[in-house]
């Protein structure tokens, strides 16, 4: 796809969401549910926070997309999450996975192993999480490395091979978040700059991004949905940082900008990766 073709698809996705107000239910971190829901609403979607396995299975049958975030590892998730992923797979409902905290507990590991069979449509995480998931699913060699809570111990460029492996295995898209974000479907690749250091001073930025990607997934194919979520978040973060004095005012301005950004602005905030060296330009000292 050309820059213009991707941009046009992004603009269509942004406008269609605002016209249709689509629902993308979530199972997400209990600490961040409010932020996830408000971000989904701000871009034009509709939100529902779920817990119970039977409710999730029912919504998997009628929803246009779904979001699963591994944030708060509650005991009953051992039943809820695999049952939900299975229902999504059986009903061909596209879904977004955020494997946050991968490797922190046997519960998370067991659930994420089961998810391999059900092939998420979009996988979003930081570099360490993306690498760890590709290793867990035996898509790349395990040569060590670790995650630290929700923080990445790896640079975005180091996750390129893992992102490609995951995207090709699932047939969907992978978004790697960092200083500059990388999105691929195994063939197409883009980088997107922007955002703000204030995003690291409030809880839930990554969780909310996954929820917004799920909203765009209701109207667009996986790669475009992942890029749309990434670009609108980075733009909103950049604008909010210029208007804010501290984390609390940043969060308010961030949600306002998600609501106010135009489709044209979102359609122009990325660049196609021309070579592997592009991945390192922003990480050079």
Foldseek 3Di string as FASTA:
>chain_A
DDLVVLLVQLQVLLVVLQVPQFEAEEAEAPVAPVVLQLLQVLSRHGYDYDDDQVVLLVCLQPGQEYEYEPHDPDPCCLPRLLSNLVSNQVNVRAYEYELFPPPVDPSSLVSLCSNLVSQHQEYEAAQQSLVVSCVSVVLDPPPDDDCDGRDHPDARLVNVSSQLSSLVSRVHKYWHDDQWIWIDNNPWIKIFHAADPLVVVDPDLRVSLRSQLRSSSSPHGRRSSNLSSVQQQRVLRRVLVVVDDHNVSSSVSSSVSSNPDHSSSSSPGMGTDPDSVVSCPVVDD
